[in-house]
PDB file of N, CA and C in Angstrom:
ATOM      1  N   MET A   1      -9.374  17.279 -26.656  1.00  0.00           N
ATOM      2  CA  MET A   1      -8.562  16.339 -25.918  1.00  0.00           C
ATOM      3  C   MET A   1      -8.511  16.793 -24.465  1.00  0.00           C
ATOM      4  N   SER A   2      -8.678  15.850 -23.561  1.00  0.00           N
ATOM      5  CA  SER A   2      -8.610  16.203 -22.152  1.00  0.00           C
ATOM      6  C   SER A   2      -7.413  15.520 -21.510  1.00  0.00           C
ATOM      7  N   SER A   3      -6.934  16.149 -20.487  1.00  0.00           N
ATOM      8  CA  SER A   3      -5.776  15.623 -19.775  1.00  0.00           C
ATOM      9  C   SER A   3      -6.178  15.322 -18.346  1.00  0.00           C
ATOM     10  N   VAL A   4      -5.742  14.182 -17.867  1.00  0.00           N
ATOM     11  CA  VAL A   4      -6.045  13.805 -16.498  1.00  0.00           C
ATOM     12  C   VAL A   4      -4.746  13.836 -15.706  1.00  0.00           C
ATOM     13  N   GLU A   5      -4.728  14.651 -14.659  1.00  0.00           N
ATOM     14  CA  GLU A   5      -3.542  14.716 -13.825  1.00  0.00           C
ATOM     15  C   GLU A   5      -3.749  13.850 -12.596  1.00  0.00           C
ATOM     16  N   THR A   6      -2.767  13.039 -12.328  1.00  0.00           N
ATOM     17  CA  THR A   6      -2.847  12.203 -11.142  1.00  0.00           C
ATOM     18  C   THR A   6      -1.695  12.531 -10.219  1.00  0.00           C
ATOM     19  N   SER A   7      -1.981  12.478  -8.958  1.00  0.00           N
ATOM     20  CA  SER A   7      -0.961  12.708  -7.957  1.00  0.00           C
ATOM     21  C   SER A   7      -0.806  11.423  -7.159  1.00  0.00           C
ATOM     22  N   VAL A   8       0.421  10.933  -7.099  1.00  0.00           N
ATOM     23  CA  VAL A   8       0.694   9.695  -6.377  1.00  0.00           C
ATOM     24  C   VAL A   8       1.403  10.024  -5.072  1.00  0.00           C
ATOM     25  N   LYS A   9       0.828   9.586  -3.994  1.00  0.00           N
ATOM     26  CA  LYS A   9       1.481   9.697  -2.680  1.00  0.00           C
ATOM     27  C   LYS A   9       2.148   8.368  -2.404  1.00  0.00           C
ATOM     28  N   VAL A  10       3.337   8.407  -1.834  1.00  0.00           N
ATOM     29  CA  VAL A  10       4.075   7.201  -1.515  1.00  0.00           C
ATOM     30  C   VAL A  10       4.274   7.129  -0.008  1.00  0.00           C
ATOM     31  N   VAL A  11       3.933   5.984   0.553  1.00  0.00           N
ATOM     32  CA  VAL A  11       4.144   5.715   1.980  1.00  0.00           C
ATOM     33  C   VAL A  11       5.234   4.659   2.056  1.00  0.00           C
ATOM     34  N   ARG A  12       6.238   4.889   2.909  1.00  0.00           N
ATOM     35  CA  ARG A  12       7.390   3.983   2.988  1.00  0.00           C
ATOM     36  C   ARG A  12       7.573   3.423   4.399  1.00  0.00           C
ATOM     37  N   PRO A  13       6.853   2.356   4.717  1.00  0.00           N
ATOM     38  CA  PRO A  13       7.079   1.717   6.023  1.00  0.00           C
ATOM     39  C   PRO A  13       8.428   0.995   6.007  1.00  0.00           C
ATOM     40  N   ALA A  14       8.959   0.718   7.193  1.00  0.00           N
ATOM     41  CA  ALA A  14      10.249   0.020   7.277  1.00  0.00           C
ATOM     42  C   ALA A  14      10.209  -0.991   8.410  1.00  0.00           C
ATOM     43  N   GLY A  15      11.010  -2.043   8.260  1.00  0.00           N
ATOM     44  CA  GLY A  15      11.108  -3.071   9.293  1.00  0.00           C
ATOM     45  C   GLY A  15       9.945  -4.035   9.219  1.00  0.00           C
ATOM     46  N   ALA A  16       9.411  -4.350  10.364  1.00  0.00           N
ATOM     47  CA  ALA A  16       8.310  -5.304  10.457  1.00  0.00           C
ATOM     48  C   ALA A  16       6.990  -4.565  10.674  1.00  0.00           C
ATOM     49  N   LEU A  17       5.972  -4.958   9.912  1.00  0.00           N
ATOM     50  CA  LEU A  17       4.625  -4.431  10.147  1.00  0.00           C
ATOM     51  C   LEU A  17       3.939  -5.393  11.111  1.00  0.00           C
ATOM     52  N   THR A  18       4.029  -5.064  12.384  1.00  0.00           N
ATOM     53  CA  THR A  18       3.500  -5.918  13.441  1.00  0.00           C
ATOM     54  C   THR A  18       2.573  -5.110  14.325  1.00  0.00           C
ATOM     55  N   ALA A  19       2.071  -5.733  15.365  1.00  0.00           N
ATOM     56  CA  ALA A  19       1.179  -5.048  16.307  1.00  0.00           C
ATOM     57  C   ALA A  19       1.829  -3.781  16.870  1.00  0.00           C
ATOM     58  N   ALA A  20       3.146  -3.791  17.027  1.00  0.00           N
ATOM     59  CA  ALA A  20       3.855  -2.643  17.584  1.00  0.00           C
ATOM     60  C   ALA A  20       3.924  -1.458  16.617  1.00  0.00           C
ATOM     61  N   THR A  21       3.876  -1.719  15.321  1.00  0.00           N
ATOM     62  CA  THR A  21       4.049  -0.652  14.329  1.00  0.00           C
ATOM     63  C   THR A  21       2.830  -0.423  13.439  1.00  0.00           C
ATOM     64  N   ALA A  22       1.875  -1.316  13.474  1.00  0.00           N
ATOM     65  CA  ALA A  22       0.746  -1.261  12.535  1.00  0.00           C
ATOM     66  C   ALA A  22      -0.111  -0.008  12.697  1.00  0.00           C
ATOM     67  N   ASP A  23      -0.333   0.440  13.920  1.00  0.00           N
ATOM     68  CA  ASP A  23      -1.186   1.619  14.115  1.00  0.00           C
ATOM     69  C   ASP A  23      -0.573   2.873  13.503  1.00  0.00           C
ATOM     70  N   ALA A  24       0.731   3.074  13.699  1.00  0.00           N
ATOM     71  CA  ALA A  24       1.394   4.252  13.121  1.00  0.00           C
ATOM     72  C   ALA A  24       1.391   4.172  11.597  1.00  0.00           C
ATOM     73  N   PHE A  25       1.663   2.987  11.063  1.00  0.00           N
ATOM     74  CA  PHE A  25       1.635   2.786   9.616  1.00  0.00           C
ATOM     75  C   PHE A  25       0.238   3.052   9.068  1.00  0.00           C
ATOM     76  N   LYS A  26      -0.770   2.506   9.723  1.00  0.00           N
ATOM     77  CA  LYS A  26      -2.156   2.681   9.276  1.00  0.00           C
ATOM     78  C   LYS A  26      -2.529   4.164   9.257  1.00  0.00           C
ATOM     79  N   ALA A  27      -2.158   4.891  10.304  1.00  0.00           N
ATOM     80  CA  ALA A  27      -2.482   6.322  10.372  1.00  0.00           C
ATOM     81  C   ALA A  27      -1.821   7.084   9.219  1.00  0.00           C
ATOM     82  N   GLU A  28      -0.553   6.787   8.945  1.00  0.00           N
ATOM     83  CA  GLU A  28       0.150   7.464   7.849  1.00  0.00           C
ATOM     84  C   GLU A  28      -0.484   7.119   6.501  1.00  0.00           C
ATOM     85  N   MET A  29      -0.822   5.858   6.316  1.00  0.00           N
ATOM     86  CA  MET A  29      -1.425   5.410   5.061  1.00  0.00           C
ATOM     87  C   MET A  29      -2.806   6.053   4.863  1.00  0.00           C
ATOM     88  N   LEU A  30      -3.629   6.063   5.905  1.00  0.00           N
ATOM     89  CA  LEU A  30      -4.971   6.638   5.778  1.00  0.00           C
ATOM     90  C   LEU A  30      -4.920   8.139   5.534  1.00  0.00           C
ATOM     91  N   THR A  31      -3.936   8.810   6.123  1.00  0.00           N
ATOM     92  CA  THR A  31      -3.763  10.240   5.869  1.00  0.00           C
ATOM     93  C   THR A  31      -3.443  10.475   4.400  1.00  0.00           C
ATOM     94  N   ALA A  32      -2.574   9.644   3.841  1.00  0.00           N
ATOM     95  CA  ALA A  32      -2.236   9.774   2.419  1.00  0.00           C
ATOM     96  C   ALA A  32      -3.449   9.488   1.541  1.00  0.00           C
ATOM     97  N   ILE A  33      -4.209   8.458   1.886  1.00  0.00           N
ATOM     98  CA  ILE A  33      -5.366   8.073   1.077  1.00  0.00           C
ATOM     99  C   ILE A  33      -6.445   9.145   1.101  1.00  0.00           C
ATOM    100  N   THR A  34      -6.698   9.720   2.258  1.00  0.00           N
ATOM    101  CA  THR A  34      -7.774  10.701   2.381  1.00  0.00           C
ATOM    102  C   THR A  34      -7.342  12.106   1.984  1.00  0.00           C
ATOM    103  N   SER A  35      -6.090  12.281   1.623  1.00  0.00           N
ATOM    104  CA  SER A  35      -5.593  13.578   1.166  1.00  0.00           C
ATOM    105  C   SER A  35      -6.329  13.994  -0.102  1.00  0.00           C
ATOM    106  N   ASP A  36      -6.678  15.243  -0.171  1.00  0.00           N
ATOM    107  CA  ASP A  36      -7.360  15.752  -1.363  1.00  0.00           C
ATOM    108  C   ASP A  36      -6.447  15.815  -2.574  1.00  0.00           C
ATOM    109  N   THR A  37      -5.141  15.819  -2.345  1.00  0.00           N
ATOM    110  CA  THR A  37      -4.203  15.976  -3.459  1.00  0.00           C
ATOM    111  C   THR A  37      -3.788  14.658  -4.099  1.00  0.00           C
ATOM    112  N   ALA A  38      -4.096  13.537  -3.464  1.00  0.00           N
ATOM    113  CA  ALA A  38      -3.669  12.235  -3.994  1.00  0.00           C
ATOM    114  C   ALA A  38      -4.813  11.517  -4.684  1.00  0.00           C
ATOM    115  N   SER A  39      -4.545  11.049  -5.905  1.00  0.00           N
ATOM    116  CA  SER A  39      -5.531  10.216  -6.587  1.00  0.00           C
ATOM    117  C   SER A  39      -5.124   8.748  -6.508  1.00  0.00           C
ATOM    118  N   GLU A  40      -3.876   8.532  -6.105  1.00  0.00           N
ATOM    119  CA  GLU A  40      -3.354   7.181  -5.992  1.00  0.00           C
ATOM    120  C   GLU A  40      -2.341   7.138  -4.853  1.00  0.00           C
ATOM    121  N   VAL A  41      -2.318   6.015  -4.133  1.00  0.00           N
ATOM    122  CA  VAL A  41      -1.355   5.836  -3.041  1.00  0.00           C
ATOM    123  C   VAL A  41      -0.584   4.547  -3.296  1.00  0.00           C
ATOM    124  N   THR A  42       0.732   4.652  -3.233  1.00  0.00           N
ATOM    125  CA  THR A  42       1.603   3.495  -3.379  1.00  0.00           C
ATOM    126  C   THR A  42       2.329   3.255  -2.072  1.00  0.00           C
ATOM    127  N   ILE A  43       2.280   2.020  -1.604  1.00  0.00           N
ATOM    128  CA  ILE A  43       3.004   1.640  -0.404  1.00  0.00           C
ATOM    129  C   ILE A  43       4.317   1.007  -0.866  1.00  0.00           C
ATOM    130  N   ASP A  44       5.431   1.691  -0.619  1.00  0.00           N
ATOM    131  CA  ASP A  44       6.751   1.187  -1.009  1.00  0.00           C
ATOM    132  C   ASP A  44       7.213   0.215   0.078  1.00  0.00           C
ATOM    133  N   MET A  45       7.150  -1.075  -0.227  1.00  0.00           N
ATOM    134  CA  MET A  45       7.439  -2.126   0.746  1.00  0.00           C
ATOM    135  C   MET A  45       8.898  -2.585   0.717  1.00  0.00           C
ATOM    136  N   ALA A  46       9.777  -1.872   0.023  1.00  0.00           N
ATOM    137  CA  ALA A  46      11.169  -2.305  -0.144  1.00  0.00           C
ATOM    138  C   ALA A  46      11.887  -2.514   1.191  1.00  0.00           C
ATOM    139  N   ALA A  47      11.562  -1.733   2.206  1.00  0.00           N
ATOM    140  CA  ALA A  47      12.255  -1.830   3.493  1.00  0.00           C
ATOM    141  C   ALA A  47      11.488  -2.661   4.517  1.00  0.00           C
ATOM    142  N   VAL A  48      10.402  -3.319   4.089  1.00  0.00           N
ATOM    143  CA  VAL A  48       9.606  -4.150   5.005  1.00  0.00           C
ATOM    144  C   VAL A  48      10.083  -5.581   4.900  1.00  0.00           C
ATOM    145  N   ASP A  49      10.464  -6.159   6.054  1.00  0.00           N
ATOM    146  CA  ASP A  49      10.992  -7.524   6.023  1.00  0.00           C
ATOM    147  C   ASP A  49      10.012  -8.576   6.527  1.00  0.00           C
ATOM    148  N   SER A  50       8.953  -8.156   7.220  1.00  0.00           N
ATOM    149  CA  SER A  50       7.941  -9.121   7.664  1.00  0.00           C
ATOM    150  C   SER A  50       6.627  -8.411   7.968  1.00  0.00           C
ATOM    151  N   VAL A  51       5.551  -9.189   7.894  1.00  0.00           N
ATOM    152  CA  VAL A  51       4.205  -8.673   8.148  1.00  0.00           C
ATOM    153  C   VAL A  51       3.461  -9.718   8.961  1.00  0.00           C
ATOM    154  N   ASP A  52       2.793  -9.275  10.030  1.00  0.00           N
ATOM    155  CA  ASP A  52       1.952 -10.200  10.777  1.00  0.00           C
ATOM    156  C   ASP A  52       0.483  -9.814  10.562  1.00  0.00           C
ATOM    157  N   ASN A  53      -0.392 -10.428  11.319  1.00  0.00           N
ATOM    158  CA  ASN A  53      -1.827 -10.199  11.170  1.00  0.00           C
ATOM    159  C   ASN A  53      -2.194  -8.728  11.326  1.00  0.00           C
ATOM    160  N   SER A  54      -1.565  -8.037  12.257  1.00  0.00           N
ATOM    161  CA  SER A  54      -1.866  -6.617  12.471  1.00  0.00           C
ATOM    162  C   SER A  54      -1.504  -5.786  11.250  1.00  0.00           C
ATOM    163  N   GLY A  55      -0.390  -6.125  10.612  1.00  0.00           N
ATOM    164  CA  GLY A  55      -0.006  -5.430   9.387  1.00  0.00           C
ATOM    165  C   GLY A  55      -0.980  -5.687   8.263  1.00  0.00           C
ATOM    166  N   LEU A  56      -1.446  -6.937   8.152  1.00  0.00           N
ATOM    167  CA  LEU A  56      -2.449  -7.274   7.137  1.00  0.00           C
ATOM    168  C   LEU A  56      -3.750  -6.520   7.371  1.00  0.00           C
ATOM    169  N   VAL A  57      -4.171  -6.436   8.623  1.00  0.00           N
ATOM    170  CA  VAL A  57      -5.412  -5.722   8.962  1.00  0.00           C
ATOM    171  C   VAL A  57      -5.271  -4.241   8.605  1.00  0.00           C
ATOM    172  N   ALA A  58      -4.109  -3.661   8.874  1.00  0.00           N
ATOM    173  CA  ALA A  58      -3.878  -2.252   8.528  1.00  0.00           C
ATOM    174  C   ALA A  58      -3.969  -2.050   7.019  1.00  0.00           C
ATOM    175  N   LEU A  59      -3.350  -2.944   6.254  1.00  0.00           N
ATOM    176  CA  LEU A  59      -3.412  -2.837   4.793  1.00  0.00           C
ATOM    177  C   LEU A  59      -4.834  -3.011   4.266  1.00  0.00           C
ATOM    178  N   LEU A  60      -5.586  -3.907   4.865  1.00  0.00           N
ATOM    179  CA  LEU A  60      -6.989  -4.082   4.452  1.00  0.00           C
ATOM    180  C   LEU A  60      -7.804  -2.839   4.760  1.00  0.00           C
ATOM    181  N   ALA A  61      -7.532  -2.194   5.880  1.00  0.00           N
ATOM    182  CA  ALA A  61      -8.215  -0.930   6.203  1.00  0.00           C
ATOM    183  C   ALA A  61      -7.872   0.128   5.160  1.00  0.00           C
ATOM    184  N   GLY A  62      -6.615   0.144   4.730  1.00  0.00           N
ATOM    185  CA  GLY A  62      -6.208   1.074   3.676  1.00  0.00           C
ATOM    186  C   GLY A  62      -6.913   0.780   2.369  1.00  0.00           C
ATOM    187  N   TYR A  63      -7.015  -0.497   2.028  1.00  0.00           N
ATOM    188  CA  TYR A  63      -7.707  -0.900   0.804  1.00  0.00           C
ATOM    189  C   TYR A  63      -9.171  -0.458   0.856  1.00  0.00           C
ATOM    190  N   ASP A  64      -9.835  -0.723   1.968  1.00  0.00           N
ATOM    191  CA  ASP A  64     -11.245  -0.334   2.105  1.00  0.00           C
ATOM    192  C   ASP A  64     -11.422   1.182   2.013  1.00  0.00           C
ATOM    193  N   THR A  65     -10.534   1.916   2.655  1.00  0.00           N
ATOM    194  CA  THR A  65     -10.615   3.375   2.629  1.00  0.00           C
ATOM    195  C   THR A  65     -10.364   3.904   1.218  1.00  0.00           C
ATOM    196  N   ALA A  66      -9.370   3.356   0.539  1.00  0.00           N
ATOM    197  CA  ALA A  66      -9.085   3.781  -0.837  1.00  0.00           C
ATOM    198  C   ALA A  66     -10.278   3.510  -1.742  1.00  0.00           C
ATOM    199  N   LYS A  67     -10.875   2.358  -1.577  1.00  0.00           N
ATOM    200  CA  LYS A  67     -12.043   1.995  -2.389  1.00  0.00           C
ATOM    201  C   LYS A  67     -13.193   2.978  -2.143  1.00  0.00           C
ATOM    202  N   ARG A  68     -13.441   3.318  -0.884  1.00  0.00           N
ATOM    203  CA  ARG A  68     -14.509   4.278  -0.558  1.00  0.00           C
ATOM    204  C   ARG A  68     -14.235   5.666  -1.134  1.00  0.00           C
ATOM    205  N   HIS A  69     -12.963   6.026  -1.226  1.00  0.00           N
ATOM    206  CA  HIS A  69     -12.591   7.341  -1.752  1.00  0.00           C
ATOM    207  C   HIS A  69     -12.288   7.303  -3.252  1.00  0.00           C
ATOM    208  N   CYS A  70     -12.586   6.171  -3.890  1.00  0.00           N
ATOM    209  CA  CYS A  70     -12.358   5.997  -5.331  1.00  0.00           C
ATOM    210  C   CYS A  70     -10.911   6.290  -5.721  1.00  0.00           C
ATOM    211  N   LYS A  71     -10.001   5.749  -4.938  1.00  0.00           N
ATOM    212  CA  LYS A  71      -8.579   5.918  -5.202  1.00  0.00           C
ATOM    213  C   LYS A  71      -7.932   4.554  -5.356  1.00  0.00           C
ATOM    214  N   ARG A  72      -6.810   4.544  -6.039  1.00  0.00           N
ATOM    215  CA  ARG A  72      -6.076   3.302  -6.270  1.00  0.00           C
ATOM    216  C   ARG A  72      -5.018   3.134  -5.189  1.00  0.00           C
ATOM    217  N   LEU A  73      -4.910   1.923  -4.656  1.00  0.00           N
ATOM    218  CA  LEU A  73      -3.879   1.585  -3.687  1.00  0.00           C
ATOM    219  C   LEU A  73      -3.052   0.460  -4.276  1.00  0.00           C
ATOM    220  N   SER A  74      -1.735   0.624  -4.286  1.00  0.00           N
ATOM    221  CA  SER A  74      -0.860  -0.429  -4.800  1.00  0.00           C
ATOM    222  C   SER A  74       0.334  -0.606  -3.879  1.00  0.00           C
ATOM    223  N   LEU A  75       0.934  -1.777  -3.966  1.00  0.00           N
ATOM    224  CA  LEU A  75       2.123  -2.102  -3.192  1.00  0.00           C
ATOM    225  C   LEU A  75       3.286  -2.212  -4.162  1.00  0.00           C
ATOM    226  N   CYS A  76       4.427  -1.668  -3.785  1.00  0.00           N
ATOM    227  CA  CYS A  76       5.594  -1.668  -4.656  1.00  0.00           C
ATOM    228  C   CYS A  76       6.754  -2.375  -3.965  1.00  0.00           C
ATOM    229  N   ASP A  77       7.516  -3.139  -4.729  1.00  0.00           N
ATOM    230  CA  ASP A  77       8.733  -3.810  -4.252  1.00  0.00           C
ATOM    231  C   ASP A  77       8.501  -4.660  -3.008  1.00  0.00           C
ATOM    232  N   VAL A  78       7.575  -5.572  -3.109  1.00  0.00           N
ATOM    233  CA  VAL A  78       7.261  -6.478  -2.006  1.00  0.00           C
ATOM    234  C   VAL A  78       8.279  -7.622  -2.010  1.00  0.00           C
ATOM    235  N   ALA A  79       8.975  -7.806  -0.902  1.00  0.00           N
ATOM    236  CA  ALA A  79       9.978  -8.869  -0.784  1.00  0.00           C
ATOM    237  C   ALA A  79       9.296 -10.234  -0.867  1.00  0.00           C
ATOM    238  N   PRO A  80       9.975 -11.237  -1.420  1.00  0.00           N
ATOM    239  CA  PRO A  80       9.368 -12.566  -1.577  1.00  0.00           C
ATOM    240  C   PRO A  80       8.743 -13.149  -0.294  1.00  0.00           C
ATOM    241  N   PRO A  81       9.389 -13.060   0.880  1.00  0.00           N
ATOM    242  CA  PRO A  81       8.742 -13.624   2.073  1.00  0.00           C
ATOM    243  C   PRO A  81       7.439 -12.891   2.451  1.00  0.00           C
ATOM    244  N   VAL A  82       7.412 -11.589   2.218  1.00  0.00           N
ATOM    245  CA  VAL A  82       6.208 -10.798   2.506  1.00  0.00           C
ATOM    246  C   VAL A  82       5.144 -11.084   1.455  1.00  0.00           C
ATOM    247  N   ARG A  83       5.555 -11.233   0.212  1.00  0.00           N
ATOM    248  CA  ARG A  83       4.618 -11.552  -0.872  1.00  0.00           C
ATOM    249  C   ARG A  83       3.892 -12.870  -0.589  1.00  0.00           C
ATOM    250  N   ILE A  84       4.603 -13.841  -0.055  1.00  0.00           N
ATOM    251  CA  ILE A  84       3.984 -15.131   0.281  1.00  0.00           C
ATOM    252  C   ILE A  84       2.874 -14.946   1.308  1.00  0.00           C
ATOM    253  N   VAL A  85       3.120 -14.105   2.309  1.00  0.00           N
ATOM    254  CA  VAL A  85       2.090 -13.826   3.323  1.00  0.00           C
ATOM    255  C   VAL A  85       0.866 -13.202   2.658  1.00  0.00           C
ATOM    256  N   PHE A  86       1.092 -12.239   1.760  1.00  0.00           N
ATOM    257  CA  PHE A  86      -0.021 -11.592   1.062  1.00  0.00           C
ATOM    258  C   PHE A  86      -0.789 -12.591   0.199  1.00  0.00           C
ATOM    259  N   GLU A  87      -0.072 -13.480  -0.450  1.00  0.00           N
ATOM    260  CA  GLU A  87      -0.730 -14.478  -1.295  1.00  0.00           C
ATOM    261  C   GLU A  87      -1.533 -15.467  -0.455  1.00  0.00           C
ATOM    262  N   LEU A  88      -0.987 -15.886   0.679  1.00  0.00           N
ATOM    263  CA  LEU A  88      -1.727 -16.798   1.565  1.00  0.00           C
ATOM    264  C   LEU A  88      -2.994 -16.138   2.104  1.00  0.00           C
ATOM    265  N   ALA A  89      -2.912 -14.852   2.394  1.00  0.00           N
ATOM    266  CA  ALA A  89      -4.074 -14.109   2.892  1.00  0.00           C
ATOM    267  C   ALA A  89      -4.975 -13.639   1.749  1.00  0.00           C
ATOM    268  N   GLN A  90      -4.558 -13.891   0.507  1.00  0.00           N
ATOM    269  CA  GLN A  90      -5.262 -13.492  -0.708  1.00  0.00           C
ATOM    270  C   GLN A  90      -5.404 -11.976  -0.837  1.00  0.00           C
ATOM    271  N   LEU A  91      -4.516 -11.254  -0.194  1.00  0.00           N
ATOM    272  CA  LEU A  91      -4.500  -9.799  -0.326  1.00  0.00           C
ATOM    273  C   LEU A  91      -4.038  -9.395  -1.722  1.00  0.00           C
ATOM    274  N   ASP A  92      -3.259 -10.250  -2.354  1.00  0.00           N
ATOM    275  CA  ASP A  92      -2.783  -9.961  -3.707  1.00  0.00           C
ATOM    276  C   ASP A  92      -3.923  -9.892  -4.719  1.00  0.00           C
ATOM    277  N   ARG A  93      -5.069 -10.440  -4.374  1.00  0.00           N
ATOM    278  CA  ARG A  93      -6.241 -10.370  -5.264  1.00  0.00           C
ATOM    279  C   ARG A  93      -6.922  -9.012  -5.191  1.00  0.00           C
ATOM    280  N   ALA A  94      -6.760  -8.314  -4.071  1.00  0.00           N
ATOM    281  CA  ALA A  94      -7.420  -7.027  -3.880  1.00  0.00           C
ATOM    282  C   ALA A  94      -6.508  -5.848  -4.228  1.00  0.00           C
ATOM    283  N   VAL A  95      -5.253  -5.944  -3.834  1.00  0.00           N
ATOM    284  CA  VAL A  95      -4.320  -4.834  -4.001  1.00  0.00           C
ATOM    285  C   VAL A  95      -3.262  -5.226  -5.023  1.00  0.00           C
ATOM    286  N   SER A  96      -3.046  -4.363  -6.000  1.00  0.00           N
ATOM    287  CA  SER A  96      -2.043  -4.692  -7.016  1.00  0.00           C
ATOM    288  C   SER A  96      -0.643  -4.540  -6.445  1.00  0.00           C
ATOM    289  N   MET A  97       0.232  -5.465  -6.866  1.00  0.00           N
ATOM    290  CA  MET A  97       1.629  -5.432  -6.450  1.00  0.00           C
ATOM    291  C   MET A  97       2.470  -5.213  -7.690  1.00  0.00           C
ATOM    292  N   VAL A  98       3.291  -4.174  -7.668  1.00  0.00           N
ATOM    293  CA  VAL A  98       4.121  -3.837  -8.804  1.00  0.00           C
ATOM    294  C   VAL A  98       5.583  -3.756  -8.375  1.00  0.00           C
ATOM    295  N   ASP A  99       6.468  -3.946  -9.334  1.00  0.00           N
ATOM    296  CA  ASP A  99       7.888  -3.748  -9.091  1.00  0.00           C
ATOM    297  C   ASP A  99       8.230  -2.298  -9.399  1.00  0.00           C
ATOM    298  N   ARG A 100       9.334  -1.846  -8.869  1.00  0.00           N
ATOM    299  CA  ARG A 100       9.739  -0.458  -9.079  1.00  0.00           C
ATOM    300  C   ARG A 100       9.851  -0.123 -10.574  1.00  0.00           C
ATOM    301  N   GLN A 101      10.343  -1.051 -11.397  1.00  0.00           N
ATOM    302  CA  GLN A 101      10.474  -0.788 -12.829  1.00  0.00           C
ATOM    303  C   GLN A 101       9.096  -0.548 -13.464  1.00  0.00           C
ATOM    304  N   GLN A 102       8.100  -1.329 -13.042  1.00  0.00           N
ATOM    305  CA  GLN A 102       6.741  -1.146 -13.573  1.00  0.00           C
ATOM    306  C   GLN A 102       6.186   0.206 -13.143  1.00  0.00           C
ATOM    307  N   LEU A 103       6.474   0.598 -11.913  1.00  0.00           N
ATOM    308  CA  LEU A 103       5.972   1.871 -11.382  1.00  0.00           C
ATOM    309  C   LEU A 103       6.598   3.037 -12.134  1.00  0.00           C
ATOM    310  N   GLN A 104       7.895   2.964 -12.406  1.00  0.00           N
ATOM    311  CA  GLN A 104       8.573   4.058 -13.093  1.00  0.00           C
ATOM    312  C   GLN A 104       8.188   4.132 -14.560  1.00  0.00           C
ATOM    313  N   ALA A 105       7.832   3.007 -15.158  1.00  0.00           N
ATOM    314  CA  ALA A 105       7.443   2.997 -16.574  1.00  0.00           C
ATOM    315  C   ALA A 105       6.052   3.573 -16.788  1.00  0.00           C
ATOM    316  N   ALA A 106       5.229   3.533 -15.749  1.00  0.00           N
ATOM    317  CA  ALA A 106       3.836   3.997 -15.891  1.00  0.00           C
ATOM    318  C   ALA A 106       3.734   5.498 -15.955  1.00  0.00           C
TER     319      ALA A 106
END
């Protein structure tokens, strides 16, 4: 029997993911994704109230980087107004969105 250990890094942006904040968020997210200790990265969106195009581009860069590094990227606790933006941009098809209860049960 073999055991697989996974390490989950959590990134917690807050406020609005806009042109003013997207670069800092992207840098933090990419650092977590490229970390040797993380096999999975979860973006805790509970404190995010809005996302614009720059925020979407940052998340797509994270998705692409995670895919290249064979790591899983997921979004947790996405507020309904933000979820609508992700669905319109079809980001929900690429990145899994989970609720905190689903994350804790896993």
